[in-house]
Amino acid sequence: MNSVVGRGAVMGRYCKVAALDSVGSGEVLEDFAVVFGDGQMRVDKTTNEHAEVREARKVGQQKAVELMARMIPNGSAKWMG
């Protein structure tokens, strides 16, 4: 939310940028990097080292997307014939 990723920045797999934080132009983040609080950065070792945690988070994200798809009305019908 209100995060900024600069032009040409490269983000590794499973990276996160906290709300109101930013990644500078051309900056490169390694896999599992977490950017928080005025540009501080750490590596999420739990997610990095445990495949079951990655899978659980993936399932949670899939469920959230499915829920939002059901909750947000599809207005395409009003544009059809």
N, C-alpha and C. Protein backbone atom coordinates (compact mmCIF):
# COMPACT_ATOMS: atom_id res chain seq x y z
N MET A 1 0.85 -1.16 0.00
CA MET A 1 0.00 0.00 0.00
C MET A 1 0.90 1.23 0.00
N ASN A 2 0.75 2.02 -1.05
CA ASN A 2 1.55 3.22 -1.24
C ASN A 2 3.04 2.95 -1.22
N SER A 3 3.45 1.77 -1.64
CA SER A 3 4.87 1.46 -1.79
C SER A 3 5.31 1.87 -3.18
N VAL A 4 6.62 2.11 -3.33
CA VAL A 4 7.15 2.53 -4.61
C VAL A 4 8.33 1.63 -4.97
N VAL A 5 8.31 1.10 -6.18
CA VAL A 5 9.44 0.34 -6.70
C VAL A 5 9.99 1.15 -7.86
N GLY A 6 11.23 1.59 -7.72
CA GLY A 6 11.83 2.46 -8.72
C GLY A 6 12.07 1.78 -10.05
N ARG A 7 12.22 2.60 -11.07
CA ARG A 7 12.45 2.11 -12.43
C ARG A 7 13.73 1.29 -12.49
N GLY A 8 13.63 0.13 -13.09
CA GLY A 8 14.80 -0.73 -13.27
C GLY A 8 15.18 -1.53 -12.04
N ALA A 9 14.41 -1.41 -10.97
CA ALA A 9 14.71 -2.20 -9.76
C ALA A 9 14.44 -3.67 -10.07
N VAL A 10 15.23 -4.54 -9.48
CA VAL A 10 15.08 -5.98 -9.68
C VAL A 10 14.79 -6.60 -8.32
N MET A 11 13.65 -7.28 -8.24
CA MET A 11 13.26 -7.90 -6.97
C MET A 11 13.32 -9.41 -7.12
N GLY A 12 13.98 -10.06 -6.18
CA GLY A 12 14.07 -11.51 -6.19
C GLY A 12 12.74 -12.16 -5.84
N ARG A 13 12.75 -13.47 -5.84
CA ARG A 13 11.54 -14.23 -5.50
C ARG A 13 11.17 -14.00 -4.04
N TYR A 14 9.88 -13.96 -3.77
CA TYR A 14 9.31 -13.84 -2.41
C TYR A 14 9.72 -12.55 -1.70
N CYS A 15 10.05 -11.50 -2.41
CA CYS A 15 10.39 -10.22 -1.78
C CYS A 15 9.12 -9.52 -1.32
N LYS A 16 9.27 -8.69 -0.28
CA LYS A 16 8.16 -7.90 0.23
C LYS A 16 8.64 -6.47 0.46
N VAL A 17 7.78 -5.52 0.15
CA VAL A 17 8.05 -4.12 0.44
C VAL A 17 6.92 -3.64 1.33
N ALA A 18 7.25 -3.16 2.51
CA ALA A 18 6.23 -2.74 3.48
C ALA A 18 5.49 -1.50 2.98
N ALA A 19 4.32 -1.29 3.57
CA ALA A 19 3.51 -0.12 3.23
C ALA A 19 4.32 1.15 3.43
N LEU A 20 4.15 2.08 2.50
CA LEU A 20 4.79 3.40 2.54
C LEU A 20 6.31 3.34 2.42
N ASP A 21 6.86 2.23 2.01
CA ASP A 21 8.31 2.13 1.84
C ASP A 21 8.65 2.09 0.36
N SER A 22 9.94 2.10 0.04
CA SER A 22 10.32 2.15 -1.36
C SER A 22 11.60 1.37 -1.63
N VAL A 23 11.73 1.00 -2.90
CA VAL A 23 12.94 0.37 -3.42
C VAL A 23 13.45 1.33 -4.49
N GLY A 24 14.69 1.73 -4.38
CA GLY A 24 15.24 2.73 -5.28
C GLY A 24 15.42 2.25 -6.71
N SER A 25 15.50 3.20 -7.64
CA SER A 25 15.73 2.88 -9.04
C SER A 25 17.03 2.10 -9.19
N GLY A 26 16.96 1.01 -9.94
CA GLY A 26 18.15 0.20 -10.19
C GLY A 26 18.60 -0.68 -9.04
N GLU A 27 17.91 -0.62 -7.91
CA GLU A 27 18.29 -1.42 -6.76
C GLU A 27 17.98 -2.90 -7.02
N VAL A 28 18.82 -3.78 -6.51
CA VAL A 28 18.63 -5.22 -6.70
C VAL A 28 18.42 -5.85 -5.33
N LEU A 29 17.28 -6.55 -5.18
CA LEU A 29 16.98 -7.23 -3.92
C LEU A 29 17.14 -8.73 -4.12
N GLU A 30 17.79 -9.37 -3.18
CA GLU A 30 17.96 -10.82 -3.27
C GLU A 30 16.64 -11.53 -2.93
N ASP A 31 16.58 -12.82 -3.23
CA ASP A 31 15.40 -13.60 -2.90
C ASP A 31 15.10 -13.49 -1.40
N PHE A 32 13.83 -13.44 -1.06
CA PHE A 32 13.33 -13.41 0.32
C PHE A 32 13.65 -12.11 1.07
N ALA A 33 14.01 -11.06 0.37
CA ALA A 33 14.30 -9.78 1.02
C ALA A 33 13.00 -9.14 1.49
N VAL A 34 13.09 -8.46 2.63
CA VAL A 34 11.95 -7.72 3.19
C VAL A 34 12.44 -6.29 3.43
N VAL A 35 11.79 -5.32 2.79
CA VAL A 35 12.14 -3.91 2.96
C VAL A 35 11.10 -3.30 3.89
N PHE A 36 11.57 -2.64 4.95
CA PHE A 36 10.66 -2.08 5.94
C PHE A 36 11.28 -0.86 6.59
N GLY A 37 10.47 -0.03 7.20
CA GLY A 37 10.90 1.10 8.02
C GLY A 37 12.06 1.91 7.49
N ASP A 38 11.77 2.87 6.63
CA ASP A 38 12.79 3.78 6.09
C ASP A 38 13.91 3.05 5.36
N GLY A 39 13.56 2.05 4.57
CA GLY A 39 14.53 1.39 3.71
C GLY A 39 15.39 0.34 4.37
N GLN A 40 15.10 -0.01 5.61
CA GLN A 40 15.86 -1.09 6.23
C GLN A 40 15.51 -2.39 5.51
N MET A 41 16.45 -3.33 5.51
CA MET A 41 16.20 -4.57 4.81
C MET A 41 16.73 -5.75 5.62
N ARG A 42 16.02 -6.86 5.50
CA ARG A 42 16.45 -8.12 6.11
C ARG A 42 16.06 -9.24 5.17
N VAL A 43 16.54 -10.44 5.46
CA VAL A 43 16.17 -11.62 4.68
C VAL A 43 15.24 -12.46 5.54
N ASP A 44 14.10 -12.87 4.97
CA ASP A 44 13.13 -13.70 5.67
C ASP A 44 13.64 -15.14 5.68
N LYS A 45 14.36 -15.49 6.72
CA LYS A 45 14.98 -16.82 6.79
C LYS A 45 13.94 -17.93 6.96
N THR A 46 12.86 -17.66 7.64
CA THR A 46 11.83 -18.68 7.85
C THR A 46 11.26 -19.14 6.51
N THR A 47 10.88 -18.18 5.68
CA THR A 47 10.33 -18.53 4.37
C THR A 47 11.41 -19.15 3.49
N ASN A 48 12.61 -18.65 3.59
CA ASN A 48 13.71 -19.16 2.79
C ASN A 48 14.03 -20.61 3.11
N GLU A 49 14.04 -20.96 4.37
CA GLU A 49 14.53 -22.28 4.80
C GLU A 49 13.45 -23.35 4.91
N HIS A 50 12.17 -22.97 4.83
CA HIS A 50 11.10 -23.95 5.05
C HIS A 50 10.09 -23.95 3.91
N ALA A 51 10.16 -24.98 3.08
CA ALA A 51 9.26 -25.08 1.93
C ALA A 51 7.80 -25.14 2.36
N GLU A 52 7.52 -25.75 3.52
CA GLU A 52 6.13 -25.85 3.97
C GLU A 52 5.55 -24.48 4.31
N VAL A 53 6.38 -23.56 4.76
CA VAL A 53 5.92 -22.19 5.03
C VAL A 53 5.59 -21.50 3.71
N ARG A 54 6.45 -21.66 2.71
CA ARG A 54 6.17 -21.07 1.39
C ARG A 54 4.87 -21.62 0.82
N GLU A 55 4.65 -22.92 0.95
CA GLU A 55 3.43 -23.54 0.42
C GLU A 55 2.20 -23.04 1.16
N ALA A 56 2.28 -22.92 2.49
CA ALA A 56 1.15 -22.43 3.28
C ALA A 56 0.80 -20.99 2.89
N ARG A 57 1.81 -20.16 2.68
CA ARG A 57 1.55 -18.78 2.27
C ARG A 57 0.94 -18.73 0.87
N LYS A 58 1.40 -19.60 -0.01
CA LYS A 58 0.85 -19.65 -1.36
C LYS A 58 -0.63 -20.03 -1.33
N VAL A 59 -0.96 -21.01 -0.52
CA VAL A 59 -2.37 -21.44 -0.39
C VAL A 59 -3.21 -20.28 0.15
N GLY A 60 -2.70 -19.59 1.16
CA GLY A 60 -3.42 -18.44 1.73
C GLY A 60 -3.65 -17.35 0.70
N GLN A 61 -2.65 -17.07 -0.12
CA GLN A 61 -2.80 -16.05 -1.16
C GLN A 61 -3.82 -16.48 -2.20
N GLN A 62 -3.80 -17.76 -2.58
CA GLN A 62 -4.77 -18.25 -3.55
C GLN A 62 -6.20 -18.11 -3.02
N LYS A 63 -6.39 -18.44 -1.74
CA LYS A 63 -7.72 -18.31 -1.14
C LYS A 63 -8.17 -16.86 -1.09
N ALA A 64 -7.25 -15.94 -0.80
CA ALA A 64 -7.59 -14.52 -0.75
C ALA A 64 -8.01 -14.02 -2.14
N VAL A 65 -7.31 -14.46 -3.18
CA VAL A 65 -7.66 -14.06 -4.54
C VAL A 65 -9.03 -14.61 -4.91
N GLU A 66 -9.30 -15.86 -4.57
CA GLU A 66 -10.61 -16.46 -4.86
C GLU A 66 -11.73 -15.70 -4.16
N LEU A 67 -11.51 -15.34 -2.90
CA LEU A 67 -12.51 -14.60 -2.14
C LEU A 67 -12.77 -13.24 -2.78
N MET A 68 -11.73 -12.53 -3.14
CA MET A 68 -11.90 -11.22 -3.76
C MET A 68 -12.62 -11.32 -5.10
N ALA A 69 -12.33 -12.38 -5.85
CA ALA A 69 -13.00 -12.57 -7.14
C ALA A 69 -14.50 -12.75 -6.94
N ARG A 70 -14.89 -13.40 -5.85
CA ARG A 70 -16.32 -13.57 -5.56
C ARG A 70 -16.95 -12.28 -5.03
N MET A 71 -16.21 -11.51 -4.27
CA MET A 71 -16.76 -10.32 -3.62
C MET A 71 -16.85 -9.11 -4.55
N ILE A 72 -15.91 -8.99 -5.47
CA ILE A 72 -15.89 -7.82 -6.36
C ILE A 72 -16.79 -8.11 -7.55
N PRO A 73 -17.81 -7.29 -7.74
CA PRO A 73 -18.75 -7.56 -8.82
C PRO A 73 -18.09 -7.42 -10.19
N ASN A 74 -18.50 -8.28 -11.09
CA ASN A 74 -18.02 -8.23 -12.47
C ASN A 74 -19.03 -7.42 -13.26
N GLY A 75 -18.64 -6.24 -13.68
CA GLY A 75 -19.55 -5.35 -14.38
C GLY A 75 -19.56 -5.53 -15.89
N SER A 76 -18.94 -6.60 -16.39
CA SER A 76 -18.87 -6.76 -17.85
C SER A 76 -20.25 -6.94 -18.48
N ALA A 77 -21.23 -7.47 -17.73
CA ALA A 77 -22.55 -7.71 -18.28
C ALA A 77 -23.21 -6.41 -18.76
N LYS A 78 -22.94 -5.31 -18.09
CA LYS A 78 -23.59 -4.07 -18.49
C LYS A 78 -23.05 -3.54 -19.82
N TRP A 79 -21.91 -4.02 -20.28
CA TRP A 79 -21.34 -3.58 -21.54
C TRP A 79 -21.71 -4.50 -22.70
N MET A 80 -22.32 -5.62 -22.38
CA MET A 80 -22.71 -6.57 -23.43
C MET A 80 -24.12 -6.25 -23.93
N GLY A 81 -24.32 -6.49 -25.23
CA GLY A 81 -25.54 -6.38 -25.95
C GLY A 81 -26.75 -5.87 -25.35
